[in-house]
């Protein structure tokens, strides 16, 4: 298993919401860019996102950060 890195950030709610929105858009664009690559053409739609995330760690990092931000924003309500 790879070594995990923990990061703790504190930011105002509007900044966290803006970052969440930006990360979602970047993830959406990143998946869209690779979705129709020949490399993934034979991968079933249900498995394609996971395969792209496995191949592009930066996009996977976006997804993990989105989850952490959503959880933090929900907990802060």
PDB file of N, CA and C in Angstrom:
ATOM      1  N   UNK A   1       0.847  -1.190   0.000  1.00  0.00           N
ATOM      2  CA  UNK A   1       0.000   0.000   0.000  1.00  0.00           C
ATOM      3  C   UNK A   1       0.886   1.244   0.000  1.00  0.00           C
ATOM      4  N   UNK A   2       0.463   2.258  -0.710  1.00  0.00           N
ATOM      5  CA  UNK A   2       1.231   3.489  -0.782  1.00  0.00           C
ATOM      6  C   UNK A   2       1.139   4.255   0.525  1.00  0.00           C
ATOM      7  N   UNK A   3       2.171   5.022   0.800  1.00  0.00           N
ATOM      8  CA  UNK A   3       2.191   5.837   2.005  1.00  0.00           C
ATOM      9  C   UNK A   3       1.178   6.973   1.873  1.00  0.00           C
ATOM     10  N   UNK A   4       0.370   7.157   2.889  1.00  0.00           N
ATOM     11  CA  UNK A   4      -0.654   8.207   2.873  1.00  0.00           C
ATOM     12  C   UNK A   4      -0.084   9.500   3.448  1.00  0.00           C
ATOM     13  N   UNK A   5      -0.589  10.600   2.965  1.00  0.00           N
ATOM     14  CA  UNK A   5      -0.193  11.913   3.441  1.00  0.00           C
ATOM     15  C   UNK A   5      -1.444  12.603   3.966  1.00  0.00           C
ATOM     16  N   UNK A   6      -1.367  13.144   5.162  1.00  0.00           N
ATOM     17  CA  UNK A   6      -2.486  13.877   5.750  1.00  0.00           C
ATOM     18  C   UNK A   6      -2.240  15.371   5.599  1.00  0.00           C
ATOM     19  N   UNK A   7      -3.294  16.079   5.229  1.00  0.00           N
ATOM     20  CA  UNK A   7      -3.232  17.526   5.086  1.00  0.00           C
ATOM     21  C   UNK A   7      -4.408  18.118   5.843  1.00  0.00           C
ATOM     22  N   UNK A   8      -4.141  19.120   6.630  1.00  0.00           N
ATOM     23  CA  UNK A   8      -5.221  19.805   7.337  1.00  0.00           C
ATOM     24  C   UNK A   8      -5.234  21.252   6.870  1.00  0.00           C
ATOM     25  N   UNK A   9      -6.392  21.715   6.440  1.00  0.00           N
ATOM     26  CA  UNK A   9      -6.555  23.086   5.963  1.00  0.00           C
ATOM     27  C   UNK A   9      -7.684  23.764   6.722  1.00  0.00           C
ATOM     28  N   UNK A  10      -7.512  25.021   6.950  1.00  0.00           N
ATOM     29  CA  UNK A  10      -8.594  25.827   7.499  1.00  0.00           C
ATOM     30  C   UNK A  10      -8.830  26.979   6.539  1.00  0.00           C
ATOM     31  N   UNK A  11     -10.085  27.159   6.173  1.00  0.00           N
ATOM     32  CA  UNK A  11     -10.422  28.248   5.266  1.00  0.00           C
ATOM     33  C   UNK A  11     -11.860  28.681   5.529  1.00  0.00           C
ATOM     34  N   UNK A  12     -12.175  29.899   5.206  1.00  0.00           N
ATOM     35  CA  UNK A  12     -13.551  30.362   5.364  1.00  0.00           C
ATOM     36  C   UNK A  12     -14.494  29.559   4.471  1.00  0.00           C
ATOM     37  N   UNK A  13     -15.732  29.427   4.903  1.00  0.00           N
ATOM     38  CA  UNK A  13     -16.718  28.647   4.157  1.00  0.00           C
ATOM     39  C   UNK A  13     -16.834  29.076   2.690  1.00  0.00           C
ATOM     40  N   UNK A  14     -16.901  30.391   2.389  1.00  0.00           N
ATOM     41  CA  UNK A  14     -17.016  30.777   0.964  1.00  0.00           C
ATOM     42  C   UNK A  14     -15.817  30.314   0.127  1.00  0.00           C
ATOM     43  N   UNK A  15     -14.642  30.315   0.719  1.00  0.00           N
ATOM     44  CA  UNK A  15     -13.453  29.857   0.004  1.00  0.00           C
ATOM     45  C   UNK A  15     -13.545  28.352  -0.236  1.00  0.00           C
ATOM     46  N   UNK A  16     -13.976  27.606   0.789  1.00  0.00           N
ATOM     47  CA  UNK A  16     -14.129  26.150   0.656  1.00  0.00           C
ATOM     48  C   UNK A  16     -15.170  25.813  -0.408  1.00  0.00           C
ATOM     49  N   UNK A  17     -16.260  26.551  -0.438  1.00  0.00           N
ATOM     50  CA  UNK A  17     -17.293  26.305  -1.443  1.00  0.00           C
ATOM     51  C   UNK A  17     -16.793  26.628  -2.847  1.00  0.00           C
ATOM     52  N   UNK A  18     -16.010  27.699  -2.978  1.00  0.00           N
ATOM     53  CA  UNK A  18     -15.444  28.055  -4.276  1.00  0.00           C
ATOM     54  C   UNK A  18     -14.437  26.997  -4.736  1.00  0.00           C
ATOM     55  N   UNK A  19     -13.618  26.520  -3.812  1.00  0.00           N
ATOM     56  CA  UNK A  19     -12.661  25.473  -4.147  1.00  0.00           C
ATOM     57  C   UNK A  19     -13.383  24.200  -4.557  1.00  0.00           C
ATOM     58  N   UNK A  20     -14.438  23.843  -3.838  1.00  0.00           N
ATOM     59  CA  UNK A  20     -15.222  22.659  -4.179  1.00  0.00           C
ATOM     60  C   UNK A  20     -15.795  22.775  -5.588  1.00  0.00           C
ATOM     61  N   UNK A  21     -16.344  23.909  -5.898  1.00  0.00           N
ATOM     62  CA  UNK A  21     -16.904  24.136  -7.238  1.00  0.00           C
ATOM     63  C   UNK A  21     -15.826  24.033  -8.312  1.00  0.00           C
ATOM     64  N   UNK A  22     -14.682  24.622  -8.061  1.00  0.00           N
ATOM     65  CA  UNK A  22     -13.579  24.588  -9.015  1.00  0.00           C
ATOM     66  C   UNK A  22     -13.071  23.157  -9.223  1.00  0.00           C
ATOM     67  N   UNK A  23     -12.902  22.407  -8.142  1.00  0.00           N
ATOM     68  CA  UNK A  23     -12.428  21.028  -8.250  1.00  0.00           C
ATOM     69  C   UNK A  23     -13.428  20.153  -9.002  1.00  0.00           C
ATOM     70  N   UNK A  24     -14.704  20.357  -8.764  1.00  0.00           N
ATOM     71  CA  UNK A  24     -15.726  19.591  -9.487  1.00  0.00           C
ATOM     72  C   UNK A  24     -15.631  19.844 -10.988  1.00  0.00           C
ATOM     73  N   UNK A  25     -15.473  21.108 -11.352  1.00  0.00           N
ATOM     74  CA  UNK A  25     -15.383  21.452 -12.768  1.00  0.00           C
ATOM     75  C   UNK A  25     -14.120  20.866 -13.395  1.00  0.00           C
ATOM     76  N   UNK A  26     -12.997  20.943 -12.686  1.00  0.00           N
ATOM     77  CA  UNK A  26     -11.754  20.377 -13.203  1.00  0.00           C
ATOM     78  C   UNK A  26     -11.864  18.862 -13.360  1.00  0.00           C
ATOM     79  N   UNK A  27     -12.491  18.187 -12.398  1.00  0.00           N
ATOM     80  CA  UNK A  27     -12.676  16.739 -12.493  1.00  0.00           C
ATOM     81  C   UNK A  27     -13.586  16.399 -13.675  1.00  0.00           C
ATOM     82  N   UNK A  28     -14.676  17.123 -13.804  1.00  0.00           N
ATOM     83  CA  UNK A  28     -15.604  16.896 -14.911  1.00  0.00           C
ATOM     84  C   UNK A  28     -14.886  17.073 -16.257  1.00  0.00           C
ATOM     85  N   UNK A  29     -14.118  18.146 -16.386  1.00  0.00           N
ATOM     86  CA  UNK A  29     -13.384  18.399 -17.633  1.00  0.00           C
ATOM     87  C   UNK A  29     -12.326  17.322 -17.879  1.00  0.00           C
ATOM     88  N   UNK A  30     -11.621  16.926 -16.830  1.00  0.00           N
ATOM     89  CA  UNK A  30     -10.593  15.901 -16.979  1.00  0.00           C
ATOM     90  C   UNK A  30     -11.160  14.573 -17.426  1.00  0.00           C
ATOM     91  N   UNK A  31     -12.279  14.180 -16.841  1.00  0.00           N
ATOM     92  CA  UNK A  31     -12.913  12.925 -17.262  1.00  0.00           C
ATOM     93  C   UNK A  31     -13.414  13.021 -18.695  1.00  0.00           C
ATOM     94  N   UNK A  32     -13.964  14.157 -19.037  1.00  0.00           N
ATOM     95  CA  UNK A  32     -14.493  14.344 -20.385  1.00  0.00           C
ATOM     96  C   UNK A  32     -13.382  14.295 -21.430  1.00  0.00           C
ATOM     97  N   UNK A  33     -12.227  14.848 -21.112  1.00  0.00           N
ATOM     98  CA  UNK A  33     -11.105  14.840 -22.040  1.00  0.00           C
ATOM     99  C   UNK A  33     -10.687  13.410 -22.368  1.00  0.00           C
ATOM    100  N   UNK A  34     -10.678  12.528 -21.380  1.00  0.00           N
ATOM    101  CA  UNK A  34     -10.179  11.171 -21.571  1.00  0.00           C
ATOM    102  C   UNK A  34     -11.273  10.149 -21.898  1.00  0.00           C
ATOM    103  N   UNK A  35     -12.515  10.491 -21.708  1.00  0.00           N
ATOM    104  CA  UNK A  35     -13.619   9.532 -21.833  1.00  0.00           C
ATOM    105  C   UNK A  35     -13.615   8.801 -23.173  1.00  0.00           C
ATOM    106  N   UNK A  36     -13.378   9.509 -24.263  1.00  0.00           N
ATOM    107  CA  UNK A  36     -13.462   8.908 -25.593  1.00  0.00           C
ATOM    108  C   UNK A  36     -12.093   8.559 -26.187  1.00  0.00           C
ATOM    109  N   UNK A  37     -11.042   8.598 -25.369  1.00  0.00           N
ATOM    110  CA  UNK A  37      -9.725   8.156 -25.846  1.00  0.00           C
ATOM    111  C   UNK A  37      -9.819   6.715 -26.323  1.00  0.00           C
ATOM    112  N   UNK A  38      -9.049   6.384 -27.349  1.00  0.00           N
ATOM    113  CA  UNK A  38      -9.015   5.007 -27.844  1.00  0.00           C
ATOM    114  C   UNK A  38      -8.661   4.027 -26.729  1.00  0.00           C
ATOM    115  N   UNK A  39      -7.847   4.485 -25.817  1.00  0.00           N
ATOM    116  CA  UNK A  39      -7.401   3.652 -24.700  1.00  0.00           C
ATOM    117  C   UNK A  39      -8.570   3.118 -23.861  1.00  0.00           C
ATOM    118  N   UNK A  40      -9.664   3.882 -23.791  1.00  0.00           N
ATOM    119  CA  UNK A  40     -10.809   3.510 -22.943  1.00  0.00           C
ATOM    120  C   UNK A  40     -12.047   3.102 -23.746  1.00  0.00           C
ATOM    121  N   UNK A  41     -11.924   3.078 -25.053  1.00  0.00           N
ATOM    122  CA  UNK A  41     -13.075   2.790 -25.906  1.00  0.00           C
ATOM    123  C   UNK A  41     -13.707   1.430 -25.600  1.00  0.00           C
ATOM    124  N   UNK A  42     -12.905   0.445 -25.235  1.00  0.00           N
ATOM    125  CA  UNK A  42     -13.425  -0.903 -24.973  1.00  0.00           C
ATOM    126  C   UNK A  42     -13.813  -1.126 -23.516  1.00  0.00           C
ATOM    127  N   UNK A  43     -13.569  -0.134 -22.676  1.00  0.00           N
ATOM    128  CA  UNK A  43     -13.923  -0.250 -21.251  1.00  0.00           C
ATOM    129  C   UNK A  43     -15.405   0.096 -21.102  1.00  0.00           C
ATOM    130  N   UNK A  44     -16.193  -0.764 -20.446  1.00  0.00           N
ATOM    131  CA  UNK A  44     -17.621  -0.463 -20.255  1.00  0.00           C
ATOM    132  C   UNK A  44     -17.817   0.863 -19.520  1.00  0.00           C
ATOM    133  N   UNK A  45     -18.883   1.561 -19.873  1.00  0.00           N
ATOM    134  CA  UNK A  45     -19.156   2.883 -19.286  1.00  0.00           C
ATOM    135  C   UNK A  45     -19.106   2.871 -17.760  1.00  0.00           C
ATOM    136  N   UNK A  46     -19.637   1.822 -17.149  1.00  0.00           N
ATOM    137  CA  UNK A  46     -19.702   1.771 -15.682  1.00  0.00           C
ATOM    138  C   UNK A  46     -18.316   1.673 -15.043  1.00  0.00           C
ATOM    139  N   UNK A  47     -17.342   1.196 -15.790  1.00  0.00           N
ATOM    140  CA  UNK A  47     -15.990   1.014 -15.255  1.00  0.00           C
ATOM    141  C   UNK A  47     -15.010   2.081 -15.752  1.00  0.00           C
ATOM    142  N   UNK A  48     -15.428   2.853 -16.731  1.00  0.00           N
ATOM    143  CA  UNK A  48     -14.516   3.789 -17.395  1.00  0.00           C
ATOM    144  C   UNK A  48     -13.997   4.881 -16.460  1.00  0.00           C
ATOM    145  N   UNK A  49     -14.859   5.468 -15.654  1.00  0.00           N
ATOM    146  CA  UNK A  49     -14.412   6.526 -14.740  1.00  0.00           C
ATOM    147  C   UNK A  49     -13.329   6.012 -13.805  1.00  0.00           C
ATOM    148  N   UNK A  50     -13.554   4.841 -13.233  1.00  0.00           N
ATOM    149  CA  UNK A  50     -12.576   4.263 -12.308  1.00  0.00           C
ATOM    150  C   UNK A  50     -11.237   4.028 -13.002  1.00  0.00           C
ATOM    151  N   UNK A  51     -11.280   3.530 -14.229  1.00  0.00           N
ATOM    152  CA  UNK A  51     -10.049   3.265 -14.979  1.00  0.00           C
ATOM    153  C   UNK A  51      -9.300   4.567 -15.259  1.00  0.00           C
ATOM    154  N   UNK A  52     -10.034   5.606 -15.639  1.00  0.00           N
ATOM    155  CA  UNK A  52      -9.395   6.907 -15.895  1.00  0.00           C
ATOM    156  C   UNK A  52      -8.764   7.433 -14.615  1.00  0.00           C
ATOM    157  N   UNK A  53      -9.472   7.341 -13.505  1.00  0.00           N
ATOM    158  CA  UNK A  53      -8.934   7.817 -12.234  1.00  0.00           C
ATOM    159  C   UNK A  53      -7.699   7.021 -11.820  1.00  0.00           C
ATOM    160  N   UNK A  54      -7.694   5.728 -12.111  1.00  0.00           N
ATOM    161  CA  UNK A  54      -6.516   4.907 -11.806  1.00  0.00           C
ATOM    162  C   UNK A  54      -5.311   5.343 -12.638  1.00  0.00           C
ATOM    163  N   UNK A  55      -5.562   5.752 -13.873  1.00  0.00           N
ATOM    164  CA  UNK A  55      -4.475   6.128 -14.774  1.00  0.00           C
ATOM    165  C   UNK A  55      -4.006   7.575 -14.600  1.00  0.00           C
ATOM    166  N   UNK A  56      -4.843   8.413 -14.018  1.00  0.00           N
ATOM    167  CA  UNK A  56      -4.509   9.831 -13.851  1.00  0.00           C
ATOM    168  C   UNK A  56      -4.645  10.211 -12.371  1.00  0.00           C
ATOM    169  N   UNK A  57      -3.558  10.081 -11.601  1.00  0.00           N
ATOM    170  CA  UNK A  57      -3.609  10.317 -10.160  1.00  0.00           C
ATOM    171  C   UNK A  57      -4.049  11.732  -9.765  1.00  0.00           C
ATOM    172  N   UNK A  58      -3.767  12.721 -10.602  1.00  0.00           N
ATOM    173  CA  UNK A  58      -4.197  14.087 -10.260  1.00  0.00           C
ATOM    174  C   UNK A  58      -5.723  14.173 -10.229  1.00  0.00           C
ATOM    175  N   UNK A  59      -6.387  13.515 -11.176  1.00  0.00           N
ATOM    176  CA  UNK A  59      -7.852  13.499 -11.185  1.00  0.00           C
ATOM    177  C   UNK A  59      -8.380  12.731  -9.979  1.00  0.00           C
ATOM    178  N   UNK A  60      -7.714  11.638  -9.624  1.00  0.00           N
ATOM    179  CA  UNK A  60      -8.123  10.886  -8.437  1.00  0.00           C
ATOM    180  C   UNK A  60      -7.968  11.750  -7.184  1.00  0.00           C
ATOM    181  N   UNK A  61      -6.914  12.563  -7.150  1.00  0.00           N
ATOM    182  CA  UNK A  61      -6.728  13.487  -6.030  1.00  0.00           C
ATOM    183  C   UNK A  61      -7.837  14.519  -5.954  1.00  0.00           C
ATOM    184  N   UNK A  62      -8.286  14.981  -7.117  1.00  0.00           N
ATOM    185  CA  UNK A  62      -9.423  15.909  -7.147  1.00  0.00           C
ATOM    186  C   UNK A  62     -10.649  15.239  -6.525  1.00  0.00           C
ATOM    187  N   UNK A  63     -10.890  13.999  -6.912  1.00  0.00           N
ATOM    188  CA  UNK A  63     -12.071  13.291  -6.407  1.00  0.00           C
ATOM    189  C   UNK A  63     -11.999  13.119  -4.892  1.00  0.00           C
ATOM    190  N   UNK A  64     -10.841  12.753  -4.373  1.00  0.00           N
ATOM    191  CA  UNK A  64     -10.686  12.579  -2.926  1.00  0.00           C
ATOM    192  C   UNK A  64     -10.862  13.909  -2.196  1.00  0.00           C
ATOM    193  N   UNK A  65     -10.301  14.975  -2.754  1.00  0.00           N
ATOM    194  CA  UNK A  65     -10.413  16.296  -2.134  1.00  0.00           C
ATOM    195  C   UNK A  65     -11.860  16.779  -2.155  1.00  0.00           C
ATOM    196  N   UNK A  66     -12.573  16.515  -3.237  1.00  0.00           N
ATOM    197  CA  UNK A  66     -13.991  16.867  -3.321  1.00  0.00           C
ATOM    198  C   UNK A  66     -14.762  16.178  -2.202  1.00  0.00           C
ATOM    199  N   UNK A  67     -14.509  14.891  -1.999  1.00  0.00           N
ATOM    200  CA  UNK A  67     -15.181  14.156  -0.929  1.00  0.00           C
ATOM    201  C   UNK A  67     -14.884  14.727   0.442  1.00  0.00           C
ATOM    202  N   UNK A  68     -13.630  15.075   0.681  1.00  0.00           N
ATOM    203  CA  UNK A  68     -13.247  15.643   1.979  1.00  0.00           C
ATOM    204  C   UNK A  68     -13.882  17.024   2.188  1.00  0.00           C
ATOM    205  N   UNK A  69     -13.893  17.837   1.160  1.00  0.00           N
ATOM    206  CA  UNK A  69     -14.520  19.160   1.272  1.00  0.00           C
ATOM    207  C   UNK A  69     -16.024  19.052   1.518  1.00  0.00           C
ATOM    208  N   UNK A  70     -16.674  18.164   0.789  1.00  0.00           N
ATOM    209  CA  UNK A  70     -18.126  17.979   0.991  1.00  0.00           C
ATOM    210  C   UNK A  70     -18.412  17.541   2.422  1.00  0.00           C
ATOM    211  N   UNK A  71     -17.629  16.605   2.930  1.00  0.00           N
ATOM    212  CA  UNK A  71     -17.831  16.120   4.295  1.00  0.00           C
ATOM    213  C   UNK A  71     -17.586  17.249   5.304  1.00  0.00           C
ATOM    214  N   UNK A  72     -16.554  18.032   5.103  1.00  0.00           N
ATOM    215  CA  UNK A  72     -16.258  19.131   6.026  1.00  0.00           C
ATOM    216  C   UNK A  72     -17.332  20.200   5.992  1.00  0.00           C
ATOM    217  N   UNK A  73     -17.819  20.527   4.795  1.00  0.00           N
ATOM    218  CA  UNK A  73     -18.878  21.537   4.685  1.00  0.00           C
ATOM    219  C   UNK A  73     -20.175  21.050   5.316  1.00  0.00           C
ATOM    220  N   UNK A  74     -20.492  19.775   5.151  1.00  0.00           N
ATOM    221  CA  UNK A  74     -21.695  19.206   5.748  1.00  0.00           C
ATOM    222  C   UNK A  74     -21.576  19.186   7.258  1.00  0.00           C
ATOM    223  N   UNK A  75     -20.418  18.816   7.773  1.00  0.00           N
ATOM    224  CA  UNK A  75     -20.213  18.751   9.224  1.00  0.00           C
ATOM    225  C   UNK A  75     -20.250  20.137   9.861  1.00  0.00           C
ATOM    226  N   UNK A  76     -19.861  21.168   9.106  1.00  0.00           N
ATOM    227  CA  UNK A  76     -19.828  22.516   9.649  1.00  0.00           C
ATOM    228  C   UNK A  76     -21.195  23.190   9.698  1.00  0.00           C
ATOM    229  N   UNK A  77     -22.199  22.556   9.100  1.00  0.00           N
ATOM    230  CA  UNK A  77     -23.538  23.174   9.080  1.00  0.00           C
ATOM    231  C   UNK A  77     -24.197  23.109  10.418  1.00  0.00           C
TER     232      UNK A  77
END
